[in-house]
Every structure is written in structure tokens, then in C-alpha cells.
Amino acid sequence: MVQAIIQSEKKFRTEINFYPNPFNGSLKVNSNETDFEIEITDVIGREMIHLGGVHEIETHTWPTGVYLIHYRSDKYDITQKVILGR
């Protein structure tokens, strides 16, 4: 079971990336998938944006802080922390 989790994490790291982190102004999504959803919330759960299949997210009007990216597709359901700094 542990081996399967480690292999899954390695696969995630090579197929899906959110960068730069910390970011300023825009956040890029590197994914080999074409059918996916991204929801970004602040740390208290307020939804900032909900998009499908987008590879760059403009964040110029968002306040600085910590955000959670929820990436969902047929293969993955992942949450990752990112930081918006100015």
C-alpha cells in the first residue's frame, strides 16, 4: 500500500505542476490532461475561482496570502498549497 502511494506521488510530480510558487500576478498549471477542473480557495474556504481546462490563472486582483488549489480529473483529486506574494 505504501509503495502505491509513493508511486502515485512521483507520477503526480511529473504530470501536474503549479508554478511559480510563490506566485505574483498569475499562476500557471502544467498538466498533460485536457479535461480537468481547478478550484482555488483561500485558507478559510472562500472560493476565489473555479475553472476547467485552463493553464494560466490571472490573480492580479487577489490579496496576498495562502491559497489551496483543488485539482480534479478522472485520474486525480489533489489539493496543493500555493502562496501569493507581491
Protein backbone atom coordinates (compact mmCIF):
# COMPACT_ATOMS: atom_id res chain seq x y z
CA MET A 1 0.00 0.00 0.00
CA VAL A 2 2.75 2.49 0.89
CA GLN A 3 4.59 1.71 -2.35
CA ALA A 4 1.46 2.52 -4.39
CA ILE A 5 1.14 5.90 -2.65
CA ILE A 6 4.79 6.75 -3.32
CA GLN A 7 4.46 5.80 -6.99
CA SER A 8 1.32 7.93 -7.26
CA GLU A 9 3.12 10.93 -5.74
CA LYS A 10 6.03 10.55 -8.18
CA LYS A 11 3.63 10.39 -11.11
CA PHE A 12 1.80 13.49 -9.85
CA ARG A 13 5.03 15.45 -9.59
CA THR A 14 5.94 14.74 -13.20
CA GLU A 15 2.50 15.21 -14.78
CA ILE A 16 0.97 18.14 -12.86
CA ASN A 17 2.75 21.25 -11.61
CA PHE A 18 1.58 24.62 -10.32
CA TYR A 19 4.21 27.32 -10.74
CA PRO A 20 5.75 29.57 -9.74
CA ASN A 21 5.22 29.07 -6.05
CA PRO A 22 5.19 31.59 -4.51
CA PHE A 23 3.47 33.40 -7.41
CA ASN A 24 2.74 37.02 -8.23
CA GLY A 25 0.07 38.08 -10.70
CA SER A 26 -0.54 34.77 -12.43
CA LEU A 27 -0.31 31.09 -11.67
CA LYS A 28 0.49 28.50 -14.32
CA VAL A 29 -0.80 24.93 -14.46
CA ASN A 30 1.32 22.33 -16.22
CA SER A 31 -0.78 19.25 -16.91
CA ASN A 32 -0.78 16.61 -19.63
CA GLU A 33 -4.53 16.27 -19.17
CA THR A 34 -7.07 18.30 -21.14
CA ASP A 35 -10.19 17.54 -19.10
CA PHE A 36 -9.73 18.82 -15.55
CA GLU A 37 -11.19 21.30 -13.08
CA ILE A 38 -9.39 23.71 -10.82
CA GLU A 39 -10.93 25.37 -7.81
CA ILE A 40 -8.86 27.79 -5.77
CA THR A 41 -9.91 28.76 -2.26
CA ASP A 42 -8.35 30.88 0.42
CA VAL A 43 -7.38 29.21 3.69
CA ILE A 44 -10.78 29.81 5.27
CA GLY A 45 -12.58 28.16 2.37
CA ARG A 46 -13.83 31.09 0.28
CA GLU A 47 -13.83 30.19 -3.41
CA MET A 48 -11.66 32.54 -5.45
CA ILE A 49 -12.13 30.87 -8.83
CA HIS A 50 -13.48 27.69 -10.40
CA LEU A 51 -12.28 26.85 -13.93
CA GLY A 52 -11.98 23.93 -16.28
CA GLY A 53 -9.02 23.07 -18.52
CA VAL A 54 -7.20 26.39 -18.02
CA HIS A 55 -3.39 26.51 -17.94
CA GLU A 56 -2.88 30.06 -16.67
CA ILE A 57 -4.85 31.86 -13.95
CA GLU A 58 -4.71 35.64 -13.55
CA THR A 59 -4.55 36.66 -9.90
CA HIS A 60 -3.68 40.38 -10.09
CA THR A 61 -6.69 41.43 -8.03
CA TRP A 62 -6.32 38.82 -5.27
CA PRO A 63 -4.93 39.76 -1.86
CA THR A 64 -1.59 38.31 -0.82
CA GLY A 65 -1.79 35.14 1.21
CA VAL A 66 -2.03 31.36 1.18
CA TYR A 67 -4.40 29.58 -1.20
CA LEU A 68 -5.38 25.97 -1.83
CA ILE A 69 -5.59 24.60 -5.37
CA HIS A 70 -8.03 21.74 -5.77
CA TYR A 71 -7.23 19.87 -8.99
CA ARG A 72 -9.79 17.28 -10.12
CA SER A 73 -9.84 14.97 -13.12
CA ASP A 74 -10.65 11.36 -13.92
CA LYS A 75 -7.15 10.38 -12.71
CA TYR A 76 -6.52 12.81 -9.84
CA ASP A 77 -8.17 14.59 -6.94
CA ILE A 78 -5.38 16.66 -5.41
CA THR A 79 -5.08 19.69 -3.16
CA GLN A 80 -1.90 21.75 -3.01
CA LYS A 81 -0.97 24.90 -1.09
CA VAL A 82 0.35 27.92 -3.00
CA ILE A 83 1.39 31.38 -1.82
CA LEU A 84 0.59 34.70 -3.48
CA GLY A 85 3.23 37.29 -2.66
CA ARG A 86 3.83 40.77 -4.01
